[in-house]
């Protein structure tokens, strides 16, 4: 049988890990959108080295 008695004591640590994971995910999405937008704008610009 599985012993789940240790799970309630680990919940604060699990919640902290989940929150950090969500923060990293949101940060990666924001950075990706910003970087992708900048690169797309540079490609559309008339400056040859940036295309």
PDB file of N, CA and C in Angstrom:
ATOM      1  N   UNK A   1       0.827  -1.188   0.000  1.00  0.00           N
ATOM      2  CA  UNK A   1       0.000   0.000   0.000  1.00  0.00           C
ATOM      3  C   UNK A   1       0.873   1.253   0.000  1.00  0.00           C
ATOM      4  N   UNK A   2       0.313   2.302  -0.542  1.00  0.00           N
ATOM      5  CA  UNK A   2       1.020   3.579  -0.590  1.00  0.00           C
ATOM      6  C   UNK A   2       0.785   4.345   0.701  1.00  0.00           C
ATOM      7  N   UNK A   3       1.807   5.032   1.111  1.00  0.00           N
ATOM      8  CA  UNK A   3       1.705   5.847   2.317  1.00  0.00           C
ATOM      9  C   UNK A   3       1.628   7.317   1.904  1.00  0.00           C
ATOM     10  N   UNK A   4       0.501   7.937   2.099  1.00  0.00           N
ATOM     11  CA  UNK A   4       0.301   9.335   1.727  1.00  0.00           C
ATOM     12  C   UNK A   4       0.322  10.254   2.940  1.00  0.00           C
ATOM     13  N   UNK A   5       0.756   9.748   4.066  1.00  0.00           N
ATOM     14  CA  UNK A   5       0.721  10.558   5.284  1.00  0.00           C
ATOM     15  C   UNK A   5       1.739  11.693   5.252  1.00  0.00           C
ATOM     16  N   UNK A   6       2.768  11.586   4.432  1.00  0.00           N
ATOM     17  CA  UNK A   6       3.779  12.634   4.372  1.00  0.00           C
ATOM     18  C   UNK A   6       3.421  13.792   3.462  1.00  0.00           C
ATOM     19  N   UNK A   7       2.370  13.633   2.673  1.00  0.00           N
ATOM     20  CA  UNK A   7       2.005  14.661   1.703  1.00  0.00           C
ATOM     21  C   UNK A   7       1.545  15.964   2.363  1.00  0.00           C
ATOM     22  N   UNK A   8       0.678  15.938   3.373  1.00  0.00           N
ATOM     23  CA  UNK A   8       0.257  17.216   3.965  1.00  0.00           C
ATOM     24  C   UNK A   8       1.430  18.040   4.500  1.00  0.00           C
ATOM     25  N   UNK A   9       2.431  17.405   5.020  1.00  0.00           N
ATOM     26  CA  UNK A   9       3.583  18.139   5.526  1.00  0.00           C
ATOM     27  C   UNK A   9       4.437  18.739   4.421  1.00  0.00           C
ATOM     28  N   UNK A  10       4.343  18.163   3.228  1.00  0.00           N
ATOM     29  CA  UNK A  10       5.138  18.640   2.100  1.00  0.00           C
ATOM     30  C   UNK A  10       4.397  19.682   1.269  1.00  0.00           C
ATOM     31  N   UNK A  11       3.129  19.925   1.567  1.00  0.00           N
ATOM     32  CA  UNK A  11       2.350  20.846   0.740  1.00  0.00           C
ATOM     33  C   UNK A  11       2.936  22.255   0.655  1.00  0.00           C
ATOM     34  N   UNK A  12       3.430  22.848   1.742  1.00  0.00           N
ATOM     35  CA  UNK A  12       4.022  24.190   1.586  1.00  0.00           C
ATOM     36  C   UNK A  12       5.189  24.208   0.600  1.00  0.00           C
ATOM     37  N   UNK A  13       6.009  23.201   0.631  1.00  0.00           N
ATOM     38  CA  UNK A  13       7.138  23.120  -0.296  1.00  0.00           C
ATOM     39  C   UNK A  13       6.639  22.899  -1.719  1.00  0.00           C
ATOM     40  N   UNK A  14       5.629  22.062  -1.885  1.00  0.00           N
ATOM     41  CA  UNK A  14       5.069  21.820  -3.211  1.00  0.00           C
ATOM     42  C   UNK A  14       4.437  23.080  -3.784  1.00  0.00           C
ATOM     43  N   UNK A  15       3.711  23.831  -2.949  1.00  0.00           N
ATOM     44  CA  UNK A  15       3.101  25.087  -3.409  1.00  0.00           C
ATOM     45  C   UNK A  15       4.164  26.099  -3.799  1.00  0.00           C
ATOM     46  N   UNK A  16       5.235  26.185  -3.019  1.00  0.00           N
ATOM     47  CA  UNK A  16       6.329  27.103  -3.345  1.00  0.00           C
ATOM     48  C   UNK A  16       6.937  26.726  -4.694  1.00  0.00           C
ATOM     49  N   UNK A  17       7.155  25.454  -4.916  1.00  0.00           N
ATOM     50  CA  UNK A  17       7.694  24.989  -6.193  1.00  0.00           C
ATOM     51  C   UNK A  17       6.757  25.284  -7.352  1.00  0.00           C
ATOM     52  N   UNK A  18       5.463  25.117  -7.137  1.00  0.00           N
ATOM     53  CA  UNK A  18       4.482  25.396  -8.186  1.00  0.00           C
ATOM     54  C   UNK A  18       4.462  26.879  -8.535  1.00  0.00           C
ATOM     55  N   UNK A  19       4.538  27.726  -7.524  1.00  0.00           N
ATOM     56  CA  UNK A  19       4.533  29.176  -7.760  1.00  0.00           C
ATOM     57  C   UNK A  19       5.789  29.598  -8.514  1.00  0.00           C
ATOM     58  N   UNK A  20       6.934  29.076  -8.118  1.00  0.00           N
ATOM     59  CA  UNK A  20       8.183  29.406  -8.813  1.00  0.00           C
ATOM     60  C   UNK A  20       8.125  28.930 -10.262  1.00  0.00           C
ATOM     61  N   UNK A  21       7.576  27.750 -10.482  1.00  0.00           N
ATOM     62  CA  UNK A  21       7.439  27.232 -11.838  1.00  0.00           C
ATOM     63  C   UNK A  21       6.562  28.144 -12.684  1.00  0.00           C
ATOM     64  N   UNK A  22       5.452  28.608 -12.132  1.00  0.00           N
ATOM     65  CA  UNK A  22       4.574  29.524 -12.864  1.00  0.00           C
ATOM     66  C   UNK A  22       5.262  30.857 -13.137  1.00  0.00           C
ATOM     67  N   UNK A  23       6.038  31.362 -12.188  1.00  0.00           N
ATOM     68  CA  UNK A  23       6.763  32.613 -12.394  1.00  0.00           C
ATOM     69  C   UNK A  23       7.776  32.471 -13.518  1.00  0.00           C
ATOM     70  N   UNK A  24       8.505  31.378 -13.534  1.00  0.00           N
ATOM     71  CA  UNK A  24       9.485  31.141 -14.598  1.00  0.00           C
ATOM     72  C   UNK A  24       8.785  31.020 -15.950  1.00  0.00           C
ATOM     73  N   UNK A  25       7.638  30.352 -15.972  1.00  0.00           N
ATOM     74  CA  UNK A  25       6.880  30.186 -17.207  1.00  0.00           C
ATOM     75  C   UNK A  25       6.407  31.527 -17.747  1.00  0.00           C
ATOM     76  N   UNK A  26       5.839  32.356 -16.890  1.00  0.00           N
ATOM     77  CA  UNK A  26       5.359  33.676 -17.313  1.00  0.00           C
ATOM     78  C   UNK A  26       6.524  34.537 -17.792  1.00  0.00           C
ATOM     79  N   UNK A  27       7.631  34.501 -17.078  1.00  0.00           N
ATOM     80  CA  UNK A  27       8.807  35.270 -17.478  1.00  0.00           C
ATOM     81  C   UNK A  27       9.309  34.815 -18.846  1.00  0.00           C
ATOM     82  N   UNK A  28       9.366  33.522 -19.076  1.00  0.00           N
ATOM     83  CA  UNK A  28       9.828  32.998 -20.361  1.00  0.00           C
ATOM     84  C   UNK A  28       8.890  33.415 -21.490  1.00  0.00           C
ATOM     85  N   UNK A  29       7.595  33.416 -21.236  1.00  0.00           N
ATOM     86  CA  UNK A  29       6.621  33.830 -22.250  1.00  0.00           C
ATOM     87  C   UNK A  29       6.814  35.307 -22.592  1.00  0.00           C
ATOM     88  N   UNK A  30       6.941  36.143 -21.572  1.00  0.00           N
ATOM     89  CA  UNK A  30       7.111  37.585 -21.787  1.00  0.00           C
ATOM     90  C   UNK A  30       8.405  37.865 -22.546  1.00  0.00           C
ATOM     91  N   UNK A  31       9.500  37.257 -22.116  1.00  0.00           N
ATOM     92  CA  UNK A  31      10.786  37.459 -22.796  1.00  0.00           C
ATOM     93  C   UNK A  31      10.703  36.959 -24.236  1.00  0.00           C
ATOM     94  N   UNK A  32      10.075  35.835 -24.460  1.00  0.00           N
ATOM     95  CA  UNK A  32       9.937  35.297 -25.809  1.00  0.00           C
ATOM     96  C   UNK A  32       9.132  36.205 -26.717  1.00  0.00           C
ATOM     97  N   UNK A  33       8.039  36.743 -26.200  1.00  0.00           N
ATOM     98  CA  UNK A  33       7.214  37.651 -26.991  1.00  0.00           C
ATOM     99  C   UNK A  33       7.988  38.930 -27.307  1.00  0.00           C
ATOM    100  N   UNK A  34       8.646  39.494 -26.314  1.00  0.00           N
ATOM    101  CA  UNK A  34       9.414  40.718 -26.536  1.00  0.00           C
ATOM    102  C   UNK A  34      10.558  40.494 -27.520  1.00  0.00           C
ATOM    103  N   UNK A  35      11.316  39.439 -27.324  1.00  0.00           N
ATOM    104  CA  UNK A  35      12.440  39.148 -28.201  1.00  0.00           C
ATOM    105  C   UNK A  35      11.956  38.837 -29.622  1.00  0.00           C
ATOM    106  N   UNK A  36      10.904  38.081 -29.739  1.00  0.00           N
ATOM    107  CA  UNK A  36      10.346  37.773 -31.057  1.00  0.00           C
ATOM    108  C   UNK A  36       9.848  39.011 -31.770  1.00  0.00           C
ATOM    109  N   UNK A  37       9.230  39.919 -31.035  1.00  0.00           N
ATOM    110  CA  UNK A  37       8.746  41.163 -31.628  1.00  0.00           C
ATOM    111  C   UNK A  37       9.906  42.029 -32.110  1.00  0.00           C
ATOM    112  N   UNK A  38      10.933  42.149 -31.289  1.00  0.00           N
ATOM    113  CA  UNK A  38      12.100  42.949 -31.673  1.00  0.00           C
ATOM    114  C   UNK A  38      12.764  42.356 -32.909  1.00  0.00           C
ATOM    115  N   UNK A  39      12.945  41.046 -32.935  1.00  0.00           N
ATOM    116  CA  UNK A  39      13.585  40.405 -34.089  1.00  0.00           C
ATOM    117  C   UNK A  39      12.716  40.578 -35.342  1.00  0.00           C
ATOM    118  N   UNK A  40      11.406  40.447 -35.205  1.00  0.00           N
ATOM    119  CA  UNK A  40      10.514  40.633 -36.353  1.00  0.00           C
ATOM    120  C   UNK A  40      10.589  42.063 -36.871  1.00  0.00           C
ATOM    121  N   UNK A  41      10.626  43.035 -35.969  1.00  0.00           N
ATOM    122  CA  UNK A  41      10.725  44.429 -36.395  1.00  0.00           C
ATOM    123  C   UNK A  41      12.063  44.709 -37.067  1.00  0.00           C
ATOM    124  N   UNK A  42      13.133  44.104 -36.561  1.00  0.00           N
ATOM    125  CA  UNK A  42      14.436  44.292 -37.186  1.00  0.00           C
ATOM    126  C   UNK A  42      14.451  43.697 -38.593  1.00  0.00           C
ATOM    127  N   UNK A  43      13.795  42.573 -38.764  1.00  0.00           N
ATOM    128  CA  UNK A  43      13.750  41.946 -40.096  1.00  0.00           C
ATOM    129  C   UNK A  43      12.941  42.790 -41.069  1.00  0.00           C
ATOM    130  N   UNK A  44      11.937  43.503 -40.566  1.00  0.00           N
ATOM    131  CA  UNK A  44      11.107  44.340 -41.425  1.00  0.00           C
ATOM    132  C   UNK A  44      11.749  45.698 -41.699  1.00  0.00           C
ATOM    133  N   UNK A  45      12.766  46.056 -40.943  1.00  0.00           N
ATOM    134  CA  UNK A  45      13.407  47.364 -41.133  1.00  0.00           C
ATOM    135  C   UNK A  45      14.171  47.378 -42.447  1.00  0.00           C
ATOM    136  N   UNK A  46      14.521  48.579 -42.877  1.00  0.00           N
ATOM    137  CA  UNK A  46      15.225  48.726 -44.147  1.00  0.00           C
ATOM    138  C   UNK A  46      16.720  48.561 -44.032  1.00  0.00           C
ATOM    139  N   UNK A  47      17.236  48.323 -42.841  1.00  0.00           N
ATOM    140  CA  UNK A  47      18.680  48.203 -42.633  1.00  0.00           C
ATOM    141  C   UNK A  47      19.120  46.805 -43.032  1.00  0.00           C
ATOM    142  N   UNK A  48      20.000  46.700 -44.024  1.00  0.00           N
ATOM    143  CA  UNK A  48      20.401  45.394 -44.561  1.00  0.00           C
ATOM    144  C   UNK A  48      21.055  44.467 -43.537  1.00  0.00           C
ATOM    145  N   UNK A  49      22.009  44.936 -42.719  1.00  0.00           N
ATOM    146  CA  UNK A  49      22.642  43.991 -41.775  1.00  0.00           C
ATOM    147  C   UNK A  49      21.674  43.388 -40.752  1.00  0.00           C
ATOM    148  N   UNK A  50      20.573  44.050 -40.510  1.00  0.00           N
ATOM    149  CA  UNK A  50      19.611  43.553 -39.519  1.00  0.00           C
ATOM    150  C   UNK A  50      18.599  42.600 -40.116  1.00  0.00           C
ATOM    151  N   UNK A  51      18.601  42.450 -41.407  1.00  0.00           N
ATOM    152  CA  UNK A  51      17.649  41.544 -42.050  1.00  0.00           C
ATOM    153  C   UNK A  51      18.265  40.201 -42.074  1.00  0.00           C
TER     154      UNK A  51
END
